[in-house]
Amino acid sequence: MEAQLLAQFKVLLEEKHLSISQDLGDLQSQSLKKTAADSSGDLAYSDHMGELGSSAMEREKAFMFAARDGVYLNQLEKALDRIKDGTFGLCRVCGCEIPIARLEAVPTTKACVPCKESENDAEAGMGITRKPA
């Protein structure tokens, strides 16, 4: 891959990494604020019980977002590592170059479309199901 194109992908990945890191920080900050408000005891008992249920759901939702973002952050870091070691844009299965259009669509990808489809078909045949990303 050309150095200029590789540099563009590096900038893209770093921008996404920064954005996700900020999102995780915001989620953590919001979660801490909600936890402090929950424990303050300022609500009447009936309001408090309803608020506790809502707060628990909000915390669970925040945790799910944080977990998803954490996985994506890890994928971004690994893609940046592949740029450093010279393997970015190469399919981990067949070793061929991954088309630029695929990298633009999924910059963290490690496999070309045919290899990814073969992997998905093999998993489906074994009864393995993956959660959508």
C-alpha atoms as a PDB file:
ATOM      1  CA  MET A   1       0.000   0.000   0.000  1.00  0.00           C
ATOM      2  CA  GLU A   2       1.234   3.503  -0.815  1.00  0.00           C
ATOM      3  CA  ALA A   3       2.685   5.493   2.067  1.00  0.00           C
ATOM      4  CA  GLN A   4       0.258   8.385   1.496  1.00  0.00           C
ATOM      5  CA  LEU A   5      -2.781   6.096   1.620  1.00  0.00           C
ATOM      6  CA  LEU A   6      -1.417   4.333   4.685  1.00  0.00           C
ATOM      7  CA  ALA A   7      -0.968   7.724   6.370  1.00  0.00           C
ATOM      8  CA  GLN A   8      -4.587   8.606   5.575  1.00  0.00           C
ATOM      9  CA  PHE A   9      -5.803   5.382   7.179  1.00  0.00           C
ATOM     10  CA  LYS A  10      -3.601   6.059  10.203  1.00  0.00           C
ATOM     11  CA  VAL A  11      -5.184   9.496  10.659  1.00  0.00           C
ATOM     12  CA  LEU A  12      -8.674   8.022  10.231  1.00  0.00           C
ATOM     13  CA  LEU A  13      -8.003   5.291  12.800  1.00  0.00           C
ATOM     14  CA  GLU A  14      -6.453   7.757  15.260  1.00  0.00           C
ATOM     15  CA  GLU A  15      -9.458  10.099  14.927  1.00  0.00           C
ATOM     16  CA  LYS A  16     -11.862   7.220  15.540  1.00  0.00           C
ATOM     17  CA  HIS A  17      -9.734   6.108  18.507  1.00  0.00           C
ATOM     18  CA  LEU A  18      -9.868   9.577  20.044  1.00  0.00           C
ATOM     19  CA  SER A  19     -13.623   9.859  19.486  1.00  0.00           C
ATOM     20  CA  ILE A  20     -14.355   6.475  21.065  1.00  0.00           C
ATOM     21  CA  SER A  21     -12.029   7.230  23.990  1.00  0.00           C
ATOM     22  CA  GLN A  22     -13.920  10.471  24.615  1.00  0.00           C
ATOM     23  CA  ASP A  23     -17.254   8.637  24.369  1.00  0.00           C
ATOM     24  CA  LEU A  24     -16.070   6.111  26.948  1.00  0.00           C
ATOM     25  CA  GLY A  25     -14.993   8.926  29.244  1.00  0.00           C
ATOM     26  CA  ASP A  26     -18.392  10.581  28.878  1.00  0.00           C
ATOM     27  CA  LEU A  27     -20.195   7.315  29.636  1.00  0.00           C
ATOM     28  CA  GLN A  28     -18.070   6.770  32.720  1.00  0.00           C
ATOM     29  CA  SER A  29     -18.651  10.322  33.912  1.00  0.00           C
ATOM     30  CA  GLN A  30     -22.419  10.068  33.410  1.00  0.00           C
ATOM     31  CA  SER A  31     -22.517   6.718  35.169  1.00  0.00           C
ATOM     32  CA  LEU A  32     -20.672   8.100  38.193  1.00  0.00           C
ATOM     33  CA  LYS A  33     -23.026  11.088  38.382  1.00  0.00           C
ATOM     34  CA  LYS A  34     -26.089   8.815  38.260  1.00  0.00           C
ATOM     35  CA  THR A  35     -24.647   6.534  40.942  1.00  0.00           C
ATOM     36  CA  ALA A  36     -24.006   9.508  43.232  1.00  0.00           C
ATOM     37  CA  ALA A  37     -27.535  10.805  42.667  1.00  0.00           C
ATOM     38  CA  ASP A  38     -28.989   7.352  43.374  1.00  0.00           C
ATOM     39  CA  SER A  39     -27.264   7.142  46.725  1.00  0.00           C
ATOM     40  CA  SER A  40     -28.132  10.675  47.842  1.00  0.00           C
ATOM     41  CA  GLY A  41     -31.616   9.626  49.008  1.00  0.00           C
ATOM     42  CA  ASP A  42     -33.298  12.891  47.995  1.00  0.00           C
ATOM     43  CA  LEU A  43     -36.409  11.193  46.581  1.00  0.00           C
ATOM     44  CA  ALA A  44     -39.543  10.033  48.362  1.00  0.00           C
ATOM     45  CA  TYR A  45     -39.706   6.257  48.826  1.00  0.00           C
ATOM     46  CA  SER A  46     -42.117   5.510  45.937  1.00  0.00           C
ATOM     47  CA  ASP A  47     -40.278   7.873  43.613  1.00  0.00           C
ATOM     48  CA  HIS A  48     -36.999   6.409  44.779  1.00  0.00           C
ATOM     49  CA  MET A  49     -38.012   2.837  43.900  1.00  0.00           C
ATOM     50  CA  GLY A  50     -39.114   3.842  40.399  1.00  0.00           C
ATOM     51  CA  GLU A  51     -35.979   5.917  39.964  1.00  0.00           C
ATOM     52  CA  LEU A  52     -33.789   2.998  41.086  1.00  0.00           C
ATOM     53  CA  GLY A  53     -35.294   0.772  38.391  1.00  0.00           C
ATOM     54  CA  SER A  54     -34.762   3.412  35.719  1.00  0.00           C
ATOM     55  CA  SER A  55     -31.252   4.084  36.949  1.00  0.00           C
ATOM     56  CA  ALA A  56     -30.395   0.401  36.859  1.00  0.00           C
ATOM     57  CA  MET A  57     -31.615   0.186  33.264  1.00  0.00           C
ATOM     58  CA  GLU A  58     -29.632   3.294  32.320  1.00  0.00           C
ATOM     59  CA  ARG A  59     -26.481   1.883  33.942  1.00  0.00           C
ATOM     60  CA  GLU A  60     -26.961  -1.426  32.125  1.00  0.00           C
ATOM     61  CA  LYS A  61     -27.406   0.399  28.827  1.00  0.00           C
ATOM     62  CA  ALA A  62     -24.302   2.515  29.513  1.00  0.00           C
ATOM     63  CA  PHE A  63     -22.360  -0.649  30.356  1.00  0.00           C
ATOM     64  CA  MET A  64     -23.416  -2.270  27.064  1.00  0.00           C
ATOM     65  CA  PHE A  65     -22.317   0.815  25.117  1.00  0.00           C
ATOM     66  CA  ALA A  66     -19.044   0.940  27.028  1.00  0.00           C
ATOM     67  CA  ALA A  67     -18.375  -2.755  26.382  1.00  0.00           C
ATOM     68  CA  ARG A  68     -19.103  -2.320  22.666  1.00  0.00           C
ATOM     69  CA  ASP A  69     -16.917   0.767  22.491  1.00  0.00           C
ATOM     70  CA  GLY A  70     -14.156  -1.037  24.385  1.00  0.00           C
ATOM     71  CA  VAL A  71     -14.140  -3.847  21.817  1.00  0.00           C
ATOM     72  CA  TYR A  72     -14.046  -1.313  18.969  1.00  0.00           C
ATOM     73  CA  LEU A  73     -11.261   0.633  20.697  1.00  0.00           C
ATOM     74  CA  ASN A  74      -9.231  -2.589  20.876  1.00  0.00           C
ATOM     75  CA  GLN A  75      -9.860  -3.239  17.159  1.00  0.00           C
ATOM     76  CA  LEU A  76      -8.684   0.288  16.343  1.00  0.00           C
ATOM     77  CA  GLU A  77      -5.517  -0.201  18.394  1.00  0.00           C
ATOM     78  CA  LYS A  78      -4.771  -3.487  16.633  1.00  0.00           C
ATOM     79  CA  ALA A  79      -5.293  -1.827  13.236  1.00  0.00           C
ATOM     80  CA  LEU A  80      -2.843   0.918  14.244  1.00  0.00           C
ATOM     81  CA  ASP A  81      -0.387  -1.809  15.308  1.00  0.00           C
ATOM     82  CA  ARG A  82      -0.772  -3.410  11.866  1.00  0.00           C
ATOM     83  CA  ILE A  83       0.102  -0.065  10.279  1.00  0.00           C
ATOM     84  CA  LYS A  84       3.258   0.052  12.423  1.00  0.00           C
ATOM     85  CA  ASP A  85       4.323  -3.502  11.595  1.00  0.00           C
ATOM     86  CA  GLY A  86       3.471  -3.252   7.896  1.00  0.00           C
ATOM     87  CA  THR A  87       0.620  -5.758   7.790  1.00  0.00           C
ATOM     88  CA  PHE A  88      -2.278  -3.287   7.547  1.00  0.00           C
ATOM     89  CA  GLY A  89      -4.368  -3.961   4.457  1.00  0.00           C
ATOM     90  CA  LEU A  90      -3.210  -7.558   4.100  1.00  0.00           C
ATOM     91  CA  CYS A  91      -5.699 -10.369   4.579  1.00  0.00           C
ATOM     92  CA  ARG A  92      -4.726 -12.518   7.580  1.00  0.00           C
ATOM     93  CA  VAL A  93      -6.176 -15.584   5.835  1.00  0.00           C
ATOM     94  CA  CYS A  94      -4.908 -15.509   2.250  1.00  0.00           C
ATOM     95  CA  GLY A  95      -2.240 -12.801   2.510  1.00  0.00           C
ATOM     96  CA  CYS A  96      -3.615 -10.800  -0.422  1.00  0.00           C
ATOM     97  CA  GLU A  97      -4.163  -7.066  -0.319  1.00  0.00           C
ATOM     98  CA  ILE A  98      -7.572  -6.078   0.981  1.00  0.00           C
ATOM     99  CA  PRO A  99      -9.300  -3.785  -1.533  1.00  0.00           C
ATOM    100  CA  ILE A 100      -9.267  -0.097  -0.588  1.00  0.00           C
ATOM    101  CA  ALA A 101     -13.079   0.071  -0.769  1.00  0.00           C
ATOM    102  CA  ARG A 102     -13.309  -2.605   1.953  1.00  0.00           C
ATOM    103  CA  LEU A 103     -10.754  -0.804   4.118  1.00  0.00           C
ATOM    104  CA  GLU A 104     -12.670   2.448   3.696  1.00  0.00           C
ATOM    105  CA  ALA A 105     -15.885   0.721   4.760  1.00  0.00           C
ATOM    106  CA  VAL A 106     -14.304  -1.247   7.635  1.00  0.00           C
ATOM    107  CA  PRO A 107     -10.855   0.199   8.436  1.00  0.00           C
ATOM    108  CA  THR A 108     -10.321  -2.308  11.250  1.00  0.00           C
ATOM    109  CA  THR A 109     -10.820  -5.343   9.007  1.00  0.00           C
ATOM    110  CA  LYS A 110      -8.240  -8.100   8.927  1.00  0.00           C
ATOM    111  CA  ALA A 111      -9.735 -10.126   6.087  1.00  0.00           C
ATOM    112  CA  CYS A 112     -10.817  -9.640   2.502  1.00  0.00           C
ATOM    113  CA  VAL A 113     -14.484 -10.209   1.686  1.00  0.00           C
ATOM    114  CA  PRO A 114     -14.104 -13.736   0.200  1.00  0.00           C
ATOM    115  CA  CYS A 115     -12.118 -14.940   3.216  1.00  0.00           C
ATOM    116  CA  LYS A 116     -14.520 -13.296   5.674  1.00  0.00           C
ATOM    117  CA  GLU A 117     -17.500 -14.865   3.897  1.00  0.00           C
ATOM    118  CA  SER A 118     -15.792 -18.275   3.980  1.00  0.00           C
ATOM    119  CA  GLU A 119     -15.132 -17.803   7.692  1.00  0.00           C
ATOM    120  CA  ASN A 120     -18.775 -16.847   8.307  1.00  0.00           C
ATOM    121  CA  ASP A 121     -20.000 -19.835   6.255  1.00  0.00           C
ATOM    122  CA  ALA A 122     -17.738 -22.179   8.235  1.00  0.00           C
ATOM    123  CA  GLU A 123     -19.000 -20.759  11.536  1.00  0.00           C
ATOM    124  CA  ALA A 124     -22.604 -21.079  10.384  1.00  0.00           C
ATOM    125  CA  GLY A 125     -21.962 -24.707   9.463  1.00  0.00           C
ATOM    126  CA  MET A 126     -20.640 -25.368  12.953  1.00  0.00           C
ATOM    127  CA  GLY A 127     -23.612 -23.647  14.560  1.00  0.00           C
ATOM    128  CA  ILE A 128     -21.576 -20.679  15.759  1.00  0.00           C
ATOM    129  CA  THR A 129     -23.457 -17.403  15.772  1.00  0.00           C
ATOM    130  CA  ARG A 130     -21.886 -14.007  16.259  1.00  0.00           C
ATOM    131  CA  LYS A 131     -23.490 -10.911  17.639  1.00  0.00           C
ATOM    132  CA  PRO A 132     -23.648  -8.108  15.090  1.00  0.00           C
ATOM    133  CA  ALA A 133     -20.904  -5.552  15.558  1.00  0.00           C
END
